[in-house]
N, C-alpha and C. Protein backbone atom coordinates (compact mmCIF):
# COMPACT_ATOMS: atom_id res chain seq x y z
N MET A 1 -16.56 18.79 -29.02
CA MET A 1 -15.93 19.17 -30.28
C MET A 1 -14.41 19.06 -30.16
N THR A 2 -13.78 18.46 -31.17
CA THR A 2 -12.33 18.29 -31.16
C THR A 2 -11.65 19.65 -31.22
N SER A 3 -10.63 19.84 -30.40
CA SER A 3 -9.90 21.11 -30.37
C SER A 3 -8.52 20.92 -30.98
N VAL A 4 -8.03 21.97 -31.61
CA VAL A 4 -6.69 21.97 -32.20
C VAL A 4 -5.86 23.01 -31.48
N VAL A 5 -4.73 22.59 -30.94
CA VAL A 5 -3.84 23.48 -30.19
C VAL A 5 -2.58 23.70 -31.02
N TYR A 6 -2.19 24.97 -31.14
CA TYR A 6 -0.99 25.31 -31.90
C TYR A 6 0.12 25.70 -30.91
N LEU A 7 1.29 25.08 -31.09
CA LEU A 7 2.41 25.34 -30.20
C LEU A 7 3.71 25.18 -30.97
N ASN A 8 4.49 26.27 -31.02
CA ASN A 8 5.78 26.25 -31.72
C ASN A 8 5.64 25.76 -33.16
N ASN A 9 4.67 26.34 -33.88
CA ASN A 9 4.43 26.02 -35.30
C ASN A 9 3.98 24.58 -35.53
N ALA A 10 3.53 23.92 -34.48
CA ALA A 10 2.99 22.56 -34.60
C ALA A 10 1.57 22.54 -34.07
N SER A 11 0.75 21.68 -34.64
CA SER A 11 -0.64 21.59 -34.20
C SER A 11 -0.88 20.23 -33.56
N PHE A 12 -1.71 20.24 -32.50
CA PHE A 12 -2.03 19.02 -31.77
C PHE A 12 -3.55 18.92 -31.65
N ILE A 13 -4.09 17.76 -32.00
CA ILE A 13 -5.53 17.54 -31.96
C ILE A 13 -5.90 16.86 -30.64
N HIS A 14 -6.75 17.53 -29.87
CA HIS A 14 -7.20 17.00 -28.59
C HIS A 14 -8.68 16.62 -28.68
N PRO A 15 -9.03 15.42 -28.28
CA PRO A 15 -10.45 15.01 -28.34
C PRO A 15 -11.25 15.70 -27.24
N PRO A 16 -12.53 15.89 -27.45
CA PRO A 16 -13.35 16.51 -26.39
C PRO A 16 -13.49 15.59 -25.18
N THR A 17 -13.53 14.27 -25.44
CA THR A 17 -13.69 13.30 -24.36
C THR A 17 -12.85 12.06 -24.64
N PHE A 18 -12.62 11.31 -23.57
CA PHE A 18 -12.05 9.97 -23.67
C PHE A 18 -13.12 8.98 -23.23
N TYR A 19 -13.07 7.79 -23.82
CA TYR A 19 -13.96 6.71 -23.39
C TYR A 19 -13.14 5.72 -22.57
N ILE A 20 -13.53 5.53 -21.31
CA ILE A 20 -12.81 4.63 -20.40
C ILE A 20 -13.41 3.24 -20.51
N ASN A 21 -12.62 2.31 -21.00
CA ASN A 21 -13.11 0.95 -21.25
C ASN A 21 -13.42 0.20 -19.97
N GLY A 22 -12.58 0.37 -18.96
CA GLY A 22 -12.78 -0.34 -17.72
C GLY A 22 -12.44 -1.81 -17.85
N PHE A 23 -13.00 -2.64 -16.98
CA PHE A 23 -12.76 -4.07 -17.02
C PHE A 23 -13.81 -4.71 -17.94
N TYR A 24 -13.68 -4.40 -19.24
CA TYR A 24 -14.72 -4.79 -20.19
C TYR A 24 -14.82 -6.31 -20.37
N ASN A 25 -13.72 -7.04 -20.13
CA ASN A 25 -13.73 -8.49 -20.30
C ASN A 25 -13.80 -9.24 -18.98
N MET A 26 -14.13 -8.55 -17.91
CA MET A 26 -14.19 -9.17 -16.59
C MET A 26 -15.63 -9.55 -16.28
N PRO A 27 -15.92 -10.83 -16.04
CA PRO A 27 -17.30 -11.24 -15.75
C PRO A 27 -17.77 -10.69 -14.41
N HIS A 28 -19.03 -10.30 -14.36
CA HIS A 28 -19.64 -9.78 -13.13
C HIS A 28 -18.85 -8.59 -12.57
N ALA A 29 -18.41 -7.70 -13.47
CA ALA A 29 -17.57 -6.56 -13.07
C ALA A 29 -18.29 -5.64 -12.10
N LYS A 30 -19.61 -5.54 -12.21
CA LYS A 30 -20.33 -4.61 -11.35
C LYS A 30 -20.23 -5.00 -9.87
N TYR A 31 -20.13 -6.30 -9.61
CA TYR A 31 -19.95 -6.73 -8.22
C TYR A 31 -18.59 -6.28 -7.69
N TYR A 32 -17.62 -6.22 -8.60
CA TYR A 32 -16.30 -5.74 -8.20
C TYR A 32 -16.35 -4.27 -7.82
N TYR A 33 -17.10 -3.48 -8.56
CA TYR A 33 -17.21 -2.05 -8.25
C TYR A 33 -17.96 -1.82 -6.93
N ILE A 34 -18.93 -2.67 -6.66
CA ILE A 34 -19.62 -2.58 -5.37
C ILE A 34 -18.65 -2.92 -4.24
N PHE A 35 -17.81 -3.92 -4.47
CA PHE A 35 -16.78 -4.27 -3.49
C PHE A 35 -15.84 -3.08 -3.25
N LEU A 36 -15.52 -2.34 -4.32
CA LEU A 36 -14.66 -1.16 -4.17
C LEU A 36 -15.30 -0.13 -3.25
N CYS A 37 -16.62 -0.02 -3.29
CA CYS A 37 -17.30 0.91 -2.38
C CYS A 37 -17.05 0.51 -0.93
N PHE A 38 -17.11 -0.77 -0.66
CA PHE A 38 -16.84 -1.27 0.69
C PHE A 38 -15.39 -0.97 1.09
N VAL A 39 -14.45 -1.23 0.17
CA VAL A 39 -13.04 -0.96 0.44
C VAL A 39 -12.83 0.53 0.72
N TYR A 40 -13.51 1.38 -0.04
CA TYR A 40 -13.37 2.83 0.15
C TYR A 40 -13.89 3.24 1.53
N ALA A 41 -15.00 2.65 1.95
CA ALA A 41 -15.55 2.98 3.27
C ALA A 41 -14.57 2.57 4.38
N VAL A 42 -13.96 1.40 4.25
CA VAL A 42 -12.97 0.95 5.22
C VAL A 42 -11.75 1.86 5.20
N THR A 43 -11.34 2.30 4.00
CA THR A 43 -10.20 3.21 3.86
C THR A 43 -10.46 4.52 4.59
N ILE A 44 -11.65 5.06 4.43
CA ILE A 44 -12.01 6.32 5.10
C ILE A 44 -11.96 6.15 6.61
N LEU A 45 -12.59 5.10 7.10
CA LEU A 45 -12.64 4.88 8.55
C LEU A 45 -11.25 4.63 9.13
N GLY A 46 -10.48 3.77 8.47
CA GLY A 46 -9.16 3.42 8.98
C GLY A 46 -8.21 4.61 8.99
N ASN A 47 -8.12 5.31 7.87
CA ASN A 47 -7.20 6.45 7.80
C ASN A 47 -7.66 7.62 8.66
N SER A 48 -8.96 7.83 8.76
CA SER A 48 -9.47 8.90 9.63
C SER A 48 -9.14 8.59 11.09
N PHE A 49 -9.23 7.32 11.47
CA PHE A 49 -8.89 6.93 12.85
C PHE A 49 -7.41 7.20 13.12
N ILE A 50 -6.55 6.84 12.16
CA ILE A 50 -5.10 7.07 12.32
C ILE A 50 -4.81 8.56 12.45
N MET A 51 -5.40 9.35 11.56
CA MET A 51 -5.12 10.79 11.57
C MET A 51 -5.67 11.47 12.83
N GLY A 52 -6.78 10.91 13.36
CA GLY A 52 -7.38 11.52 14.53
C GLY A 52 -6.74 11.15 15.85
N THR A 53 -6.01 10.03 15.88
CA THR A 53 -5.46 9.56 17.15
C THR A 53 -3.94 9.64 17.23
N ILE A 54 -3.29 9.79 16.09
CA ILE A 54 -1.83 9.73 16.10
C ILE A 54 -1.24 11.00 16.72
N TYR A 55 -0.18 10.81 17.46
CA TYR A 55 0.54 11.94 18.05
C TYR A 55 1.65 12.36 17.10
N LEU A 56 1.72 13.64 16.79
CA LEU A 56 2.65 14.12 15.77
C LEU A 56 4.07 14.29 16.31
N ALA A 57 4.60 13.23 16.86
CA ALA A 57 6.04 13.18 17.15
C ALA A 57 6.76 13.02 15.82
N PRO A 58 8.06 13.32 15.77
CA PRO A 58 8.77 13.26 14.49
C PRO A 58 8.58 11.96 13.73
N LYS A 59 8.66 10.82 14.44
CA LYS A 59 8.58 9.55 13.73
C LYS A 59 7.18 9.24 13.22
N TYR A 60 6.17 9.95 13.74
CA TYR A 60 4.81 9.71 13.29
C TYR A 60 4.34 10.70 12.22
N ILE A 61 5.15 11.69 11.91
CA ILE A 61 4.77 12.65 10.87
C ILE A 61 4.62 11.93 9.53
N ALA A 62 5.57 11.04 9.23
CA ALA A 62 5.50 10.29 7.98
C ALA A 62 4.29 9.36 7.97
N VAL A 63 3.98 8.74 9.12
CA VAL A 63 2.81 7.85 9.21
C VAL A 63 1.53 8.65 8.96
N PHE A 64 1.45 9.83 9.55
CA PHE A 64 0.29 10.70 9.34
C PHE A 64 0.14 11.06 7.87
N ASN A 65 1.27 11.43 7.23
CA ASN A 65 1.23 11.78 5.81
C ASN A 65 0.84 10.59 4.94
N LEU A 66 1.30 9.41 5.31
CA LEU A 66 0.95 8.22 4.54
C LEU A 66 -0.56 7.97 4.60
N ALA A 67 -1.15 8.17 5.77
CA ALA A 67 -2.60 8.01 5.92
C ALA A 67 -3.35 9.05 5.08
N VAL A 68 -2.84 10.30 5.09
CA VAL A 68 -3.47 11.37 4.31
C VAL A 68 -3.43 11.05 2.82
N PHE A 69 -2.26 10.64 2.33
CA PHE A 69 -2.10 10.38 0.90
C PHE A 69 -2.87 9.15 0.46
N ASP A 70 -2.96 8.15 1.33
CA ASP A 70 -3.76 6.97 1.01
C ASP A 70 -5.23 7.33 0.91
N LEU A 71 -5.72 8.14 1.83
CA LEU A 71 -7.12 8.58 1.81
C LEU A 71 -7.40 9.44 0.58
N CYS A 72 -6.50 10.37 0.29
CA CYS A 72 -6.69 11.26 -0.87
C CYS A 72 -6.63 10.49 -2.18
N GLY A 73 -5.66 9.55 -2.27
CA GLY A 73 -5.55 8.75 -3.48
C GLY A 73 -6.80 7.92 -3.74
N SER A 74 -7.34 7.33 -2.69
CA SER A 74 -8.57 6.55 -2.83
C SER A 74 -9.75 7.44 -3.19
N SER A 75 -9.80 8.65 -2.62
CA SER A 75 -10.90 9.58 -2.87
C SER A 75 -10.88 10.11 -4.30
N VAL A 76 -9.70 10.26 -4.85
CA VAL A 76 -9.58 10.72 -6.23
C VAL A 76 -10.05 9.64 -7.20
N LEU A 77 -9.76 8.41 -6.88
CA LEU A 77 -9.96 7.32 -7.84
C LEU A 77 -11.30 6.60 -7.70
N ILE A 78 -11.60 6.11 -6.50
CA ILE A 78 -12.70 5.15 -6.37
C ILE A 78 -14.09 5.76 -6.61
N PRO A 79 -14.50 6.86 -5.94
CA PRO A 79 -15.88 7.33 -6.13
C PRO A 79 -16.21 7.70 -7.57
N ARG A 80 -15.28 8.38 -8.23
CA ARG A 80 -15.54 8.82 -9.61
C ARG A 80 -15.73 7.65 -10.56
N TYR A 81 -14.92 6.64 -10.40
CA TYR A 81 -14.96 5.54 -11.35
C TYR A 81 -15.96 4.47 -11.00
N VAL A 82 -16.33 4.35 -9.74
CA VAL A 82 -17.48 3.50 -9.39
C VAL A 82 -18.74 4.08 -10.01
N ASP A 83 -18.90 5.40 -9.89
CA ASP A 83 -20.04 6.08 -10.52
C ASP A 83 -20.00 5.91 -12.04
N MET A 84 -18.81 5.97 -12.60
CA MET A 84 -18.65 5.87 -14.05
C MET A 84 -19.11 4.52 -14.58
N PHE A 85 -18.68 3.44 -13.92
CA PHE A 85 -18.95 2.11 -14.46
C PHE A 85 -20.28 1.53 -14.01
N LEU A 86 -20.71 1.87 -12.80
CA LEU A 86 -22.00 1.35 -12.33
C LEU A 86 -23.16 1.98 -13.09
N PHE A 87 -23.00 3.23 -13.49
CA PHE A 87 -24.09 3.97 -14.14
C PHE A 87 -23.78 4.31 -15.59
N ASP A 88 -22.80 3.61 -16.17
CA ASP A 88 -22.46 3.74 -17.59
C ASP A 88 -22.17 5.18 -18.01
N LYS A 89 -21.40 5.87 -17.19
CA LYS A 89 -20.96 7.22 -17.52
C LYS A 89 -19.46 7.17 -17.85
N GLN A 90 -19.15 6.48 -18.95
CA GLN A 90 -17.75 6.15 -19.22
C GLN A 90 -17.01 7.18 -20.07
N TYR A 91 -17.69 8.27 -20.41
CA TYR A 91 -17.01 9.34 -21.12
C TYR A 91 -16.50 10.38 -20.12
N ILE A 92 -15.27 10.79 -20.29
CA ILE A 92 -14.66 11.78 -19.41
C ILE A 92 -14.01 12.86 -20.26
N SER A 93 -14.17 14.11 -19.90
CA SER A 93 -13.64 15.20 -20.72
C SER A 93 -12.11 15.18 -20.73
N TYR A 94 -11.55 15.81 -21.73
CA TYR A 94 -10.09 15.84 -21.87
C TYR A 94 -9.42 16.48 -20.65
N GLY A 95 -9.93 17.61 -20.22
CA GLY A 95 -9.36 18.31 -19.06
C GLY A 95 -9.52 17.51 -17.78
N GLU A 96 -10.69 16.90 -17.61
CA GLU A 96 -10.93 16.09 -16.40
C GLU A 96 -10.03 14.86 -16.38
N CYS A 97 -9.77 14.31 -17.56
CA CYS A 97 -8.88 13.14 -17.65
C CYS A 97 -7.47 13.50 -17.19
N LEU A 98 -6.95 14.62 -17.68
CA LEU A 98 -5.60 15.03 -17.29
C LEU A 98 -5.53 15.39 -15.81
N SER A 99 -6.57 16.04 -15.30
CA SER A 99 -6.60 16.37 -13.86
C SER A 99 -6.60 15.11 -13.01
N SER A 100 -7.43 14.15 -13.40
CA SER A 100 -7.50 12.89 -12.67
C SER A 100 -6.16 12.17 -12.72
N MET A 101 -5.54 12.15 -13.89
CA MET A 101 -4.23 11.50 -14.05
C MET A 101 -3.20 12.15 -13.13
N PHE A 102 -3.20 13.48 -13.07
CA PHE A 102 -2.23 14.18 -12.23
C PHE A 102 -2.37 13.77 -10.77
N PHE A 103 -3.60 13.83 -10.24
CA PHE A 103 -3.78 13.56 -8.82
C PHE A 103 -3.55 12.09 -8.47
N VAL A 104 -3.95 11.17 -9.34
CA VAL A 104 -3.71 9.75 -9.07
C VAL A 104 -2.21 9.48 -8.98
N PHE A 105 -1.45 9.99 -9.96
CA PHE A 105 -0.01 9.73 -9.96
C PHE A 105 0.71 10.53 -8.88
N PHE A 106 0.18 11.70 -8.54
CA PHE A 106 0.81 12.49 -7.48
C PHE A 106 0.70 11.77 -6.14
N PHE A 107 -0.50 11.32 -5.79
CA PHE A 107 -0.68 10.63 -4.51
C PHE A 107 0.03 9.28 -4.51
N MET A 108 0.12 8.64 -5.66
CA MET A 108 0.87 7.39 -5.76
C MET A 108 2.36 7.64 -5.46
N ALA A 109 2.89 8.72 -6.06
CA ALA A 109 4.30 9.06 -5.84
C ALA A 109 4.54 9.43 -4.38
N MET A 110 3.62 10.19 -3.78
CA MET A 110 3.81 10.61 -2.39
C MET A 110 3.75 9.43 -1.43
N GLN A 111 2.93 8.44 -1.74
CA GLN A 111 2.90 7.24 -0.88
C GLN A 111 4.24 6.52 -0.93
N SER A 112 4.83 6.41 -2.13
CA SER A 112 6.12 5.74 -2.25
C SER A 112 7.22 6.51 -1.54
N PHE A 113 7.25 7.83 -1.71
CA PHE A 113 8.27 8.65 -1.06
C PHE A 113 8.10 8.63 0.46
N THR A 114 6.86 8.57 0.92
CA THR A 114 6.62 8.52 2.37
C THR A 114 7.14 7.22 2.96
N LEU A 115 7.03 6.13 2.23
CA LEU A 115 7.62 4.87 2.68
C LEU A 115 9.13 5.01 2.83
N LEU A 116 9.73 5.77 1.93
CA LEU A 116 11.18 6.01 2.02
C LEU A 116 11.52 6.81 3.28
N ALA A 117 10.67 7.78 3.61
CA ALA A 117 10.88 8.56 4.84
C ALA A 117 10.75 7.67 6.08
N LEU A 118 9.79 6.74 6.06
CA LEU A 118 9.64 5.80 7.17
C LEU A 118 10.86 4.90 7.29
N ALA A 119 11.39 4.47 6.15
CA ALA A 119 12.60 3.64 6.17
C ALA A 119 13.78 4.42 6.75
N PHE A 120 13.89 5.68 6.38
CA PHE A 120 14.95 6.54 6.92
C PHE A 120 14.85 6.62 8.45
N ASP A 121 13.64 6.81 8.95
CA ASP A 121 13.41 6.89 10.39
C ASP A 121 13.85 5.62 11.11
N ARG A 122 13.50 4.46 10.54
CA ARG A 122 13.85 3.19 11.18
C ARG A 122 15.35 2.89 11.10
N VAL A 123 15.98 3.24 10.00
CA VAL A 123 17.42 3.01 9.85
C VAL A 123 18.20 3.83 10.88
N ILE A 124 17.80 5.08 11.05
CA ILE A 124 18.48 5.93 12.04
C ILE A 124 18.26 5.36 13.45
N ALA A 125 17.04 4.88 13.72
CA ALA A 125 16.74 4.32 15.04
C ALA A 125 17.58 3.08 15.33
N ILE A 126 17.85 2.27 14.32
CA ILE A 126 18.62 1.03 14.51
C ILE A 126 20.12 1.30 14.51
N CYS A 127 20.57 2.10 13.54
CA CYS A 127 22.02 2.29 13.37
C CYS A 127 22.61 3.34 14.30
N PHE A 128 21.82 4.35 14.64
CA PHE A 128 22.33 5.43 15.51
C PHE A 128 21.34 5.69 16.64
N PRO A 129 21.11 4.71 17.50
CA PRO A 129 20.07 4.87 18.54
C PRO A 129 20.34 6.02 19.51
N LEU A 130 21.61 6.28 19.81
CA LEU A 130 21.92 7.34 20.76
C LEU A 130 21.76 8.73 20.16
N ARG A 131 21.85 8.80 18.85
CA ARG A 131 21.72 10.10 18.18
C ARG A 131 20.36 10.26 17.49
N TYR A 132 19.46 9.30 17.70
CA TYR A 132 18.18 9.29 16.99
C TYR A 132 17.40 10.60 17.19
N HIS A 133 17.24 11.02 18.44
CA HIS A 133 16.43 12.22 18.71
C HIS A 133 17.11 13.49 18.25
N ALA A 134 18.42 13.45 18.05
CA ALA A 134 19.13 14.63 17.52
C ALA A 134 19.01 14.71 16.01
N ILE A 135 18.92 13.53 15.35
CA ILE A 135 18.84 13.51 13.88
C ILE A 135 17.40 13.61 13.39
N VAL A 136 16.54 12.77 13.96
CA VAL A 136 15.14 12.74 13.52
C VAL A 136 14.32 13.69 14.39
N THR A 137 14.22 14.91 13.93
CA THR A 137 13.43 15.92 14.62
C THR A 137 12.23 16.31 13.75
N LYS A 138 11.32 17.09 14.32
CA LYS A 138 10.17 17.54 13.54
C LYS A 138 10.62 18.36 12.33
N THR A 139 11.66 19.18 12.54
CA THR A 139 12.17 20.01 11.44
C THR A 139 12.72 19.13 10.32
N THR A 140 13.48 18.10 10.71
CA THR A 140 14.05 17.19 9.71
C THR A 140 12.97 16.48 8.91
N MET A 141 11.97 15.94 9.60
CA MET A 141 10.90 15.22 8.91
C MET A 141 10.06 16.14 8.04
N MET A 142 9.81 17.36 8.51
CA MET A 142 9.04 18.31 7.71
C MET A 142 9.82 18.71 6.46
N MET A 143 11.13 18.84 6.58
CA MET A 143 11.96 19.15 5.41
C MET A 143 11.93 18.01 4.41
N ILE A 144 12.02 16.78 4.91
CA ILE A 144 11.97 15.61 4.02
C ILE A 144 10.63 15.55 3.30
N ILE A 145 9.54 15.74 4.05
CA ILE A 145 8.21 15.71 3.45
C ILE A 145 8.06 16.84 2.43
N GLY A 146 8.60 18.03 2.75
CA GLY A 146 8.54 19.17 1.84
C GLY A 146 9.26 18.89 0.53
N VAL A 147 10.45 18.31 0.62
CA VAL A 147 11.22 17.96 -0.58
C VAL A 147 10.45 16.93 -1.41
N MET A 148 9.81 15.99 -0.75
CA MET A 148 9.03 14.97 -1.45
C MET A 148 7.85 15.61 -2.20
N TRP A 149 7.20 16.60 -1.57
CA TRP A 149 6.10 17.32 -2.23
C TRP A 149 6.59 18.00 -3.51
N VAL A 150 7.68 18.74 -3.38
CA VAL A 150 8.21 19.49 -4.52
C VAL A 150 8.62 18.54 -5.65
N LEU A 151 9.32 17.47 -5.29
CA LEU A 151 9.78 16.51 -6.29
C LEU A 151 8.60 15.82 -6.97
N SER A 152 7.60 15.43 -6.20
CA SER A 152 6.44 14.74 -6.77
C SER A 152 5.65 15.66 -7.70
N VAL A 153 5.42 16.90 -7.26
CA VAL A 153 4.69 17.85 -8.10
C VAL A 153 5.43 18.08 -9.42
N PHE A 154 6.75 18.25 -9.34
CA PHE A 154 7.54 18.51 -10.54
C PHE A 154 7.47 17.32 -11.51
N LEU A 155 7.71 16.10 -10.99
CA LEU A 155 7.75 14.92 -11.86
C LEU A 155 6.38 14.64 -12.49
N VAL A 156 5.33 14.72 -11.68
CA VAL A 156 4.00 14.38 -12.19
C VAL A 156 3.49 15.47 -13.13
N THR A 157 3.78 16.74 -12.84
CA THR A 157 3.39 17.83 -13.73
C THR A 157 4.05 17.66 -15.10
N LEU A 158 5.34 17.31 -15.10
CA LEU A 158 6.05 17.07 -16.36
C LEU A 158 5.44 15.90 -17.11
N LEU A 159 5.11 14.85 -16.37
CA LEU A 159 4.52 13.65 -16.97
C LEU A 159 3.20 13.96 -17.67
N VAL A 160 2.35 14.73 -16.98
CA VAL A 160 1.02 15.04 -17.52
C VAL A 160 1.10 16.14 -18.58
N ALA A 161 1.98 17.11 -18.40
CA ALA A 161 2.08 18.22 -19.36
C ALA A 161 2.47 17.72 -20.75
N LEU A 162 3.29 16.69 -20.81
CA LEU A 162 3.70 16.16 -22.11
C LEU A 162 2.55 15.50 -22.86
N ILE A 163 1.48 15.14 -22.15
CA ILE A 163 0.29 14.59 -22.81
C ILE A 163 -0.31 15.63 -23.75
N THR A 164 -0.22 16.90 -23.39
CA THR A 164 -0.83 17.95 -24.22
C THR A 164 -0.13 18.10 -25.57
N ARG A 165 1.04 17.49 -25.74
CA ARG A 165 1.75 17.54 -27.02
C ARG A 165 1.42 16.34 -27.92
N LEU A 166 0.44 15.56 -27.50
CA LEU A 166 0.04 14.40 -28.28
C LEU A 166 -1.22 14.68 -29.08
N THR A 167 -1.32 14.06 -30.24
CA THR A 167 -2.49 14.16 -31.09
C THR A 167 -3.25 12.84 -31.07
N PHE A 168 -4.58 12.93 -30.97
CA PHE A 168 -5.42 11.74 -30.93
C PHE A 168 -6.33 11.77 -32.16
N CYS A 169 -6.12 10.81 -33.06
CA CYS A 169 -6.80 10.83 -34.35
C CYS A 169 -8.09 10.03 -34.37
N ALA A 170 -8.25 9.10 -33.46
CA ALA A 170 -9.42 8.22 -33.48
C ALA A 170 -10.69 9.03 -33.23
N SER A 171 -11.78 8.60 -33.87
CA SER A 171 -13.06 9.30 -33.68
C SER A 171 -13.53 9.18 -32.24
N ILE A 172 -13.25 8.02 -31.62
CA ILE A 172 -13.52 7.82 -30.19
C ILE A 172 -12.22 7.40 -29.53
N ALA A 173 -11.65 8.27 -28.71
CA ALA A 173 -10.39 7.97 -28.03
C ALA A 173 -10.68 7.04 -26.86
N THR A 174 -10.41 5.74 -27.05
CA THR A 174 -10.74 4.73 -26.05
C THR A 174 -9.52 4.38 -25.21
N VAL A 175 -9.64 4.54 -23.91
CA VAL A 175 -8.55 4.23 -22.98
C VAL A 175 -8.80 2.85 -22.38
N ASP A 176 -7.88 1.92 -22.64
CA ASP A 176 -8.03 0.55 -22.15
C ASP A 176 -7.53 0.43 -20.71
N SER A 177 -8.24 1.07 -19.83
CA SER A 177 -7.94 1.01 -18.41
C SER A 177 -9.19 1.42 -17.65
N TYR A 178 -9.12 1.35 -16.32
CA TYR A 178 -10.29 1.72 -15.52
C TYR A 178 -10.21 3.16 -15.04
N PHE A 179 -9.14 3.87 -15.43
CA PHE A 179 -9.06 5.31 -15.19
C PHE A 179 -8.15 5.91 -16.26
N CYS A 180 -7.95 7.21 -16.24
CA CYS A 180 -7.10 7.86 -17.25
C CYS A 180 -5.63 7.56 -16.94
N ASP A 181 -5.23 6.36 -17.25
CA ASP A 181 -3.88 5.92 -16.97
C ASP A 181 -2.93 6.47 -18.04
N HIS A 182 -1.72 6.83 -17.60
CA HIS A 182 -0.78 7.48 -18.50
C HIS A 182 -0.39 6.58 -19.68
N GLY A 183 -0.02 5.33 -19.40
CA GLY A 183 0.41 4.42 -20.45
C GLY A 183 -0.64 4.20 -21.52
N PRO A 184 -1.87 3.77 -21.16
CA PRO A 184 -2.91 3.57 -22.17
C PRO A 184 -3.27 4.84 -22.94
N VAL A 185 -3.16 6.00 -22.31
CA VAL A 185 -3.49 7.25 -23.01
C VAL A 185 -2.46 7.56 -24.09
N ILE A 186 -1.16 7.48 -23.74
CA ILE A 186 -0.16 7.81 -24.76
C ILE A 186 -0.08 6.72 -25.83
N ARG A 187 -0.57 5.52 -25.52
CA ARG A 187 -0.54 4.43 -26.51
C ARG A 187 -1.48 4.71 -27.67
N ILE A 188 -2.58 5.44 -27.42
CA ILE A 188 -3.56 5.68 -28.49
C ILE A 188 -3.27 6.97 -29.24
N ALA A 189 -2.19 7.67 -28.91
CA ALA A 189 -1.82 8.88 -29.65
C ALA A 189 -1.31 8.48 -31.04
N CYS A 190 -1.52 9.35 -32.03
CA CYS A 190 -1.12 9.01 -33.39
C CYS A 190 0.06 9.84 -33.88
N ASN A 191 0.68 10.61 -33.01
CA ASN A 191 1.92 11.30 -33.40
C ASN A 191 3.07 10.75 -32.55
N ASP A 192 4.22 11.36 -32.67
CA ASP A 192 5.42 10.86 -31.99
C ASP A 192 5.28 10.98 -30.47
N ASN A 193 5.36 9.84 -29.78
CA ASN A 193 5.29 9.84 -28.31
C ASN A 193 6.58 9.30 -27.70
N SER A 194 7.68 9.41 -28.43
CA SER A 194 8.96 8.86 -27.98
C SER A 194 9.49 9.55 -26.73
N ILE A 195 9.07 10.79 -26.48
CA ILE A 195 9.50 11.49 -25.26
C ILE A 195 8.71 10.99 -24.06
N ASN A 196 7.44 10.69 -24.26
CA ASN A 196 6.57 10.30 -23.15
C ASN A 196 6.94 8.96 -22.54
N TRP A 197 7.26 7.98 -23.37
CA TRP A 197 7.50 6.63 -22.86
C TRP A 197 8.69 6.53 -21.91
N PRO A 198 9.88 7.06 -22.29
CA PRO A 198 11.01 6.96 -21.35
C PRO A 198 10.73 7.63 -20.01
N LEU A 199 10.04 8.79 -20.04
CA LEU A 199 9.74 9.49 -18.80
C LEU A 199 8.78 8.68 -17.94
N PHE A 200 7.76 8.11 -18.58
CA PHE A 200 6.78 7.31 -17.85
C PHE A 200 7.43 6.07 -17.24
N ILE A 201 8.25 5.38 -18.03
CA ILE A 201 8.92 4.17 -17.53
C ILE A 201 9.87 4.51 -16.39
N SER A 202 10.62 5.61 -16.54
CA SER A 202 11.55 6.03 -15.48
C SER A 202 10.79 6.35 -14.20
N HIS A 203 9.66 7.02 -14.34
CA HIS A 203 8.83 7.37 -13.17
C HIS A 203 8.37 6.11 -12.44
N MET A 204 7.88 5.12 -13.17
CA MET A 204 7.39 3.90 -12.55
C MET A 204 8.53 3.08 -11.94
N VAL A 205 9.69 3.07 -12.62
CA VAL A 205 10.83 2.33 -12.09
C VAL A 205 11.29 2.93 -10.76
N VAL A 206 11.31 4.26 -10.68
CA VAL A 206 11.71 4.93 -9.44
C VAL A 206 10.76 4.58 -8.31
N LEU A 207 9.45 4.64 -8.57
CA LEU A 207 8.46 4.35 -7.53
C LEU A 207 8.55 2.90 -7.07
N GLN A 208 8.69 1.98 -8.02
CA GLN A 208 8.80 0.57 -7.64
C GLN A 208 10.10 0.28 -6.91
N SER A 209 11.17 0.96 -7.30
CA SER A 209 12.46 0.77 -6.64
C SER A 209 12.39 1.23 -5.19
N ILE A 210 11.67 2.34 -4.94
CA ILE A 210 11.51 2.84 -3.58
C ILE A 210 10.76 1.81 -2.73
N LYS A 211 9.73 1.21 -3.28
CA LYS A 211 8.96 0.20 -2.53
C LYS A 211 9.81 -1.03 -2.22
N VAL A 212 10.61 -1.46 -3.22
CA VAL A 212 11.49 -2.61 -3.00
C VAL A 212 12.54 -2.28 -1.94
N LEU A 213 13.09 -1.06 -2.03
CA LEU A 213 14.09 -0.63 -1.05
C LEU A 213 13.50 -0.60 0.35
N TYR A 214 12.27 -0.12 0.47
CA TYR A 214 11.60 -0.07 1.77
C TYR A 214 11.42 -1.47 2.34
N LYS A 215 11.00 -2.40 1.49
CA LYS A 215 10.77 -3.78 1.97
C LYS A 215 12.09 -4.42 2.40
N ARG A 216 13.16 -4.17 1.65
CA ARG A 216 14.45 -4.77 2.00
C ARG A 216 15.00 -4.17 3.29
N MET A 217 14.82 -2.88 3.46
CA MET A 217 15.28 -2.24 4.69
C MET A 217 14.46 -2.73 5.87
N LYS A 218 13.19 -2.97 5.65
CA LYS A 218 12.31 -3.47 6.71
C LYS A 218 12.77 -4.87 7.14
N CYS A 219 13.13 -5.71 6.15
CA CYS A 219 13.62 -7.06 6.46
C CYS A 219 14.96 -6.99 7.20
N LEU A 220 15.81 -6.06 6.77
CA LEU A 220 17.13 -5.90 7.42
C LEU A 220 16.97 -5.48 8.88
N ILE A 221 16.02 -4.58 9.11
CA ILE A 221 15.78 -4.10 10.49
C ILE A 221 15.25 -5.24 11.36
N LYS A 222 14.35 -6.08 10.80
CA LYS A 222 13.82 -7.20 11.56
C LYS A 222 14.90 -8.21 11.91
N ASN A 223 15.82 -8.44 10.98
CA ASN A 223 16.89 -9.40 11.21
C ASN A 223 17.89 -8.92 12.27
N ASN A 224 17.98 -7.60 12.38
CA ASN A 224 18.89 -7.04 13.40
C ASN A 224 18.19 -6.92 14.76
């Protein structure tokens, strides 16, 4: 049943469920979802091996966290949506959609920030080799990881919370994606979403910029 939420003298219509379209125009899509099961199994084995064997020296704390976030991100996304599309369970409740969106974007953000922490570790090792062990300590890396957690939770919570201020007028709220993606969800809203778009674009630009920065720093380190 459609719910109506009242906030600051304004009303917002929330659908009971969203319909996830998935790869509706992709031929033999079910084989792709079966392939995702294989990828997920490899992800579990690979990341579990890393987490089980890695020594938590300062420079490996970020590597450990990257393995954790990669495993968690895959666990949030792949099993639920393989089940959804293989067995035609493409309706997802409003609350479950927002929860899924939060965790997918949170782990995505943490993976990007962790790459930045790894880049910081390598830059210090190359530029200040004699002071490396004084600068990169367990306390330093834990503080960096802690700041990344706080920043990611704040940004993603803000991103998802603004969804609750949107109204969805369609009888069937259809999301043109394979999960509750932020962009496709706000695109089908029928009230003003001008606040959501700049925040979403800024969030994605920051994450992509971090990845580009990491790759460039990695190339710089190799050249030196």
